[in-house]
Amino acid sequence: MKVLWAVMAVFIVLLQARLWIGEGSFAQVWQLQQKIEAQKAENGTLADRNERLYAEVRNLRSGKGAIEERARMNLGLIREDETFFLVVDP
């Protein structure tokens, strides 16, 4: 009878060891949940960035005003009937 109890105790210890340190253990599940949360946060940031880029593309495709604005700001576009003034800080 003592042998049966000893065998049962060994089985319980082995099952507990797998639960705490084996594959699919609490520690591993907790670590994976942390990684999932971090990835969701990163995905949210990237989704926001993508939405801003899509909005900019839609704006550029919709009219010439957005294209002209970008050309003026980034490339220094000046129309023929305009005068360019460069203000330099001392």
N, C-alpha and C. Protein backbone atom coordinates (compact mmCIF):
# COMPACT_ATOMS: atom_id res chain seq x y z
N MET A 1 0.81 -1.19 0.00
CA MET A 1 0.00 0.00 0.00
C MET A 1 0.86 1.26 0.00
N LYS A 2 2.00 1.22 0.75
CA LYS A 2 2.89 2.36 0.79
C LYS A 2 3.52 2.59 -0.59
N VAL A 3 3.77 1.54 -1.33
CA VAL A 3 4.35 1.66 -2.66
C VAL A 3 3.36 2.38 -3.59
N LEU A 4 2.09 2.05 -3.49
CA LEU A 4 1.05 2.69 -4.30
C LEU A 4 1.00 4.19 -3.99
N TRP A 5 1.05 4.54 -2.73
CA TRP A 5 1.04 5.96 -2.35
C TRP A 5 2.29 6.67 -2.86
N ALA A 6 3.42 6.00 -2.81
CA ALA A 6 4.66 6.59 -3.30
C ALA A 6 4.59 6.82 -4.80
N VAL A 7 4.05 5.85 -5.54
CA VAL A 7 3.90 5.99 -6.99
C VAL A 7 2.95 7.14 -7.32
N MET A 8 1.85 7.23 -6.60
CA MET A 8 0.88 8.31 -6.82
C MET A 8 1.51 9.67 -6.51
N ALA A 9 2.32 9.74 -5.46
CA ALA A 9 2.99 10.99 -5.11
C ALA A 9 3.98 11.40 -6.20
N VAL A 10 4.70 10.43 -6.76
CA VAL A 10 5.64 10.72 -7.84
C VAL A 10 4.89 11.24 -9.07
N PHE A 11 3.76 10.60 -9.40
CA PHE A 11 2.96 11.06 -10.53
C PHE A 11 2.45 12.48 -10.32
N ILE A 12 2.02 12.78 -9.13
CA ILE A 12 1.53 14.14 -8.83
C ILE A 12 2.66 15.15 -8.96
N VAL A 13 3.83 14.82 -8.47
CA VAL A 13 4.97 15.72 -8.59
C VAL A 13 5.34 15.92 -10.06
N LEU A 14 5.33 14.86 -10.85
CA LEU A 14 5.65 14.99 -12.28
C LEU A 14 4.61 15.85 -13.00
N LEU A 15 3.35 15.68 -12.68
CA LEU A 15 2.31 16.50 -13.30
C LEU A 15 2.45 17.97 -12.90
N GLN A 16 2.76 18.21 -11.64
CA GLN A 16 2.95 19.58 -11.17
C GLN A 16 4.17 20.20 -11.85
N ALA A 17 5.25 19.44 -12.02
CA ALA A 17 6.45 19.96 -12.67
C ALA A 17 6.13 20.37 -14.10
N ARG A 18 5.36 19.56 -14.80
CA ARG A 18 4.99 19.92 -16.18
C ARG A 18 4.12 21.17 -16.18
N LEU A 19 3.26 21.30 -15.21
CA LEU A 19 2.39 22.47 -15.14
C LEU A 19 3.17 23.75 -14.89
N TRP A 20 4.21 23.69 -14.09
CA TRP A 20 4.94 24.89 -13.72
C TRP A 20 6.14 25.19 -14.60
N ILE A 21 6.83 24.16 -15.13
CA ILE A 21 8.05 24.43 -15.88
C ILE A 21 8.07 23.79 -17.26
N GLY A 22 7.11 23.03 -17.64
CA GLY A 22 7.13 22.36 -18.94
C GLY A 22 6.56 23.22 -20.05
N GLU A 23 6.41 22.60 -21.21
CA GLU A 23 5.83 23.29 -22.35
C GLU A 23 4.35 23.56 -22.06
N GLY A 24 3.92 24.79 -22.29
CA GLY A 24 2.55 25.18 -21.99
C GLY A 24 2.34 25.49 -20.52
N SER A 25 3.43 25.76 -19.79
CA SER A 25 3.33 26.04 -18.36
C SER A 25 2.79 27.44 -18.14
N PHE A 26 2.49 27.74 -16.90
CA PHE A 26 1.97 29.07 -16.56
C PHE A 26 2.97 30.17 -16.94
N ALA A 27 4.24 29.93 -16.70
CA ALA A 27 5.26 30.94 -17.01
C ALA A 27 5.33 31.19 -18.51
N GLN A 28 5.26 30.14 -19.29
CA GLN A 28 5.32 30.29 -20.74
C GLN A 28 4.06 30.99 -21.27
N VAL A 29 2.91 30.64 -20.75
CA VAL A 29 1.67 31.28 -21.16
C VAL A 29 1.70 32.76 -20.80
N TRP A 30 2.18 33.10 -19.61
CA TRP A 30 2.26 34.50 -19.20
C TRP A 30 3.20 35.28 -20.12
N GLN A 31 4.34 34.67 -20.45
CA GLN A 31 5.32 35.32 -21.33
C GLN A 31 4.71 35.54 -22.72
N LEU A 32 4.00 34.56 -23.23
CA LEU A 32 3.37 34.72 -24.55
C LEU A 32 2.28 35.78 -24.52
N GLN A 33 1.55 35.88 -23.44
CA GLN A 33 0.54 36.92 -23.33
C GLN A 33 1.18 38.31 -23.33
N GLN A 34 2.33 38.44 -22.67
CA GLN A 34 3.04 39.72 -22.69
C GLN A 34 3.50 40.07 -24.10
N LYS A 35 4.00 39.09 -24.83
CA LYS A 35 4.43 39.32 -26.21
C LYS A 35 3.25 39.70 -27.10
N ILE A 36 2.12 39.07 -26.88
CA ILE A 36 0.92 39.39 -27.66
C ILE A 36 0.48 40.82 -27.40
N GLU A 37 0.49 41.25 -26.15
CA GLU A 37 0.10 42.62 -25.82
C GLU A 37 1.06 43.63 -26.46
N ALA A 38 2.36 43.32 -26.42
CA ALA A 38 3.34 44.22 -27.03
C ALA A 38 3.14 44.29 -28.54
N GLN A 39 2.85 43.15 -29.16
CA GLN A 39 2.63 43.13 -30.61
C GLN A 39 1.35 43.86 -30.98
N LYS A 40 0.31 43.75 -30.16
CA LYS A 40 -0.93 44.49 -30.42
C LYS A 40 -0.70 45.99 -30.33
N ALA A 41 0.10 46.42 -29.37
CA ALA A 41 0.40 47.85 -29.25
C ALA A 41 1.18 48.33 -30.47
N GLU A 42 2.15 47.55 -30.90
CA GLU A 42 2.92 47.93 -32.09
C GLU A 42 2.04 47.93 -33.33
N ASN A 43 1.15 46.95 -33.44
CA ASN A 43 0.23 46.90 -34.58
C ASN A 43 -0.69 48.12 -34.60
N GLY A 44 -1.13 48.56 -33.43
CA GLY A 44 -1.98 49.75 -33.36
C GLY A 44 -1.25 50.98 -33.84
N THR A 45 0.01 51.12 -33.43
CA THR A 45 0.83 52.25 -33.86
C THR A 45 1.02 52.22 -35.38
N LEU A 46 1.32 51.05 -35.90
CA LEU A 46 1.53 50.92 -37.34
C LEU A 46 0.24 51.12 -38.12
N ALA A 47 -0.89 50.70 -37.56
CA ALA A 47 -2.17 50.92 -38.22
C ALA A 47 -2.49 52.41 -38.30
N ASP A 48 -2.19 53.15 -37.24
CA ASP A 48 -2.40 54.60 -37.26
C ASP A 48 -1.52 55.26 -38.32
N ARG A 49 -0.27 54.84 -38.37
CA ARG A 49 0.64 55.40 -39.38
C ARG A 49 0.15 55.09 -40.78
N ASN A 50 -0.30 53.84 -41.00
CA ASN A 50 -0.81 53.45 -42.31
C ASN A 50 -2.04 54.27 -42.69
N GLU A 51 -2.91 54.51 -41.73
CA GLU A 51 -4.12 55.30 -42.01
C GLU A 51 -3.75 56.73 -42.41
N ARG A 52 -2.75 57.31 -41.74
CA ARG A 52 -2.30 58.65 -42.13
C ARG A 52 -1.72 58.65 -43.54
N LEU A 53 -0.95 57.62 -43.87
CA LEU A 53 -0.38 57.54 -45.21
C LEU A 53 -1.47 57.34 -46.27
N TYR A 54 -2.47 56.50 -45.97
CA TYR A 54 -3.58 56.31 -46.91
C TYR A 54 -4.35 57.60 -47.12
N ALA A 55 -4.54 58.36 -46.04
CA ALA A 55 -5.24 59.64 -46.16
C ALA A 55 -4.44 60.60 -47.02
N GLU A 56 -3.13 60.61 -46.86
CA GLU A 56 -2.28 61.48 -47.67
C GLU A 56 -2.34 61.07 -49.14
N VAL A 57 -2.33 59.78 -49.41
CA VAL A 57 -2.41 59.30 -50.79
C VAL A 57 -3.75 59.68 -51.40
N ARG A 58 -4.84 59.49 -50.63
CA ARG A 58 -6.17 59.87 -51.14
C ARG A 58 -6.22 61.37 -51.43
N ASN A 59 -5.61 62.16 -50.55
CA ASN A 59 -5.58 63.60 -50.73
C ASN A 59 -4.79 63.98 -51.99
N LEU A 60 -3.67 63.32 -52.21
CA LEU A 60 -2.87 63.62 -53.39
C LEU A 60 -3.57 63.19 -54.68
N ARG A 61 -4.33 62.12 -54.63
CA ARG A 61 -5.05 61.66 -55.81
C ARG A 61 -6.29 62.49 -56.11
N SER A 62 -6.85 63.12 -55.08
CA SER A 62 -8.14 63.79 -55.26
C SER A 62 -8.04 65.13 -55.97
N GLY A 63 -6.97 65.87 -55.77
CA GLY A 63 -6.93 67.19 -56.40
C GLY A 63 -5.52 67.71 -56.53
N LYS A 64 -5.42 68.79 -57.30
CA LYS A 64 -4.12 69.39 -57.54
C LYS A 64 -3.67 70.28 -56.40
N GLY A 65 -4.59 70.69 -55.54
CA GLY A 65 -4.23 71.56 -54.43
C GLY A 65 -3.24 70.91 -53.48
N ALA A 66 -3.43 69.63 -53.19
CA ALA A 66 -2.51 68.94 -52.29
C ALA A 66 -1.15 68.76 -52.94
N ILE A 67 -1.14 68.49 -54.23
CA ILE A 67 0.13 68.32 -54.95
C ILE A 67 0.88 69.65 -54.97
N GLU A 68 0.15 70.72 -55.24
CA GLU A 68 0.78 72.04 -55.27
C GLU A 68 1.33 72.42 -53.89
N GLU A 69 0.58 72.11 -52.85
CA GLU A 69 1.05 72.41 -51.49
C GLU A 69 2.34 71.68 -51.18
N ARG A 70 2.41 70.40 -51.53
CA ARG A 70 3.64 69.64 -51.28
C ARG A 70 4.80 70.19 -52.10
N ALA A 71 4.52 70.58 -53.34
CA ALA A 71 5.58 71.13 -54.19
C ALA A 71 6.08 72.46 -53.62
N ARG A 72 5.18 73.27 -53.09
CA ARG A 72 5.59 74.54 -52.51
C ARG A 72 6.42 74.33 -51.25
N MET A 73 6.00 73.43 -50.39
CA MET A 73 6.68 73.22 -49.11
C MET A 73 8.00 72.47 -49.28
N ASN A 74 8.00 71.44 -50.09
CA ASN A 74 9.18 70.57 -50.18
C ASN A 74 10.15 70.98 -51.29
N LEU A 75 9.63 71.50 -52.38
CA LEU A 75 10.48 71.77 -53.53
C LEU A 75 10.68 73.25 -53.80
N GLY A 76 9.99 74.11 -53.06
CA GLY A 76 10.15 75.54 -53.26
C GLY A 76 9.48 76.06 -54.52
N LEU A 77 8.35 75.53 -54.89
CA LEU A 77 7.62 75.94 -56.09
C LEU A 77 7.19 77.40 -55.99
N ILE A 78 7.42 78.14 -57.08
CA ILE A 78 6.97 79.53 -57.16
C ILE A 78 6.28 79.69 -58.51
N ARG A 79 5.10 80.27 -58.51
CA ARG A 79 4.39 80.53 -59.77
C ARG A 79 5.03 81.70 -60.51
N GLU A 80 4.65 81.84 -61.77
CA GLU A 80 5.23 82.89 -62.60
C GLU A 80 4.85 84.29 -62.11
N ASP A 81 3.65 84.47 -61.57
CA ASP A 81 3.20 85.80 -61.16
C ASP A 81 3.47 86.09 -59.69
N GLU A 82 4.22 85.25 -59.01
CA GLU A 82 4.52 85.44 -57.60
C GLU A 82 5.94 85.98 -57.41
N THR A 83 6.15 86.61 -56.26
CA THR A 83 7.48 87.11 -55.91
C THR A 83 7.97 86.33 -54.68
N PHE A 84 9.21 85.90 -54.75
CA PHE A 84 9.79 85.11 -53.66
C PHE A 84 10.57 86.03 -52.73
N PHE A 85 10.27 85.93 -51.45
CA PHE A 85 11.00 86.69 -50.42
C PHE A 85 11.64 85.70 -49.47
N LEU A 86 12.92 85.83 -49.25
CA LEU A 86 13.65 84.97 -48.31
C LEU A 86 13.99 85.80 -47.09
N VAL A 87 13.46 85.41 -45.94
CA VAL A 87 13.70 86.13 -44.69
C VAL A 87 14.76 85.34 -43.92
N VAL A 88 15.88 86.03 -43.63
CA VAL A 88 17.00 85.38 -42.95
C VAL A 88 17.08 85.94 -41.54
N ASP A 89 17.15 85.07 -40.56
CA ASP A 89 17.33 85.50 -39.17
C ASP A 89 18.76 85.96 -38.95
N PRO A 90 18.95 87.06 -38.20
CA PRO A 90 20.32 87.55 -37.98
C PRO A 90 21.13 86.62 -37.09
